[in-house]
Amino acid sequence: MKDFQLTRKMLSLRGSFYPSGYAFIMFPDVDDARQAARELEPRDDEIMLLTPADILRDIGKTEVVSDVALPDVGTEKATTRKYVDLAREGHHALMISTHTRDDTERIMTVVRKLPFSYAQKYHSLAIEDLE
């Protein structure tokens, strides 16, 4: 498991947090996040742990209004706000690379065994709720 590092590739053209090809899953307890990451091995190099501080510092700042003249996508802002609200309550997150629908289902099979608070998958043009 790697520590989170925000890159330009994880942002939309407007500068919002939009890591296409990743699932972003939040947990009320860091131990549950770490347990999920352990169970998802050997995908270790494709899993990043985000602390509440990471979320507030790096993802929270992407909520800032952009000067780029593009339509506003409310889902991105609402999702970012949800992450920030949960981080303020102490929730941690895993960001996991997802290549296929089967990858996503394998990830969620592990995650569903643990108490998680919020899960999203970022597609090229849509954000999918994961349950």
Foldseek 3Di string as FASTA:
>chain_A
DAADDDDPCQADPFQAGFNAQKKKWKALDVVLVVQLLVVPPPLNVQKHKFWLVNLCPPNVVSLDGGPDPDDDDVVRNVVSVVSNVSSVSGMMIMIGGHDDPVSVVVSVVSSVVHDTDFMWHHHPPDIDGDD
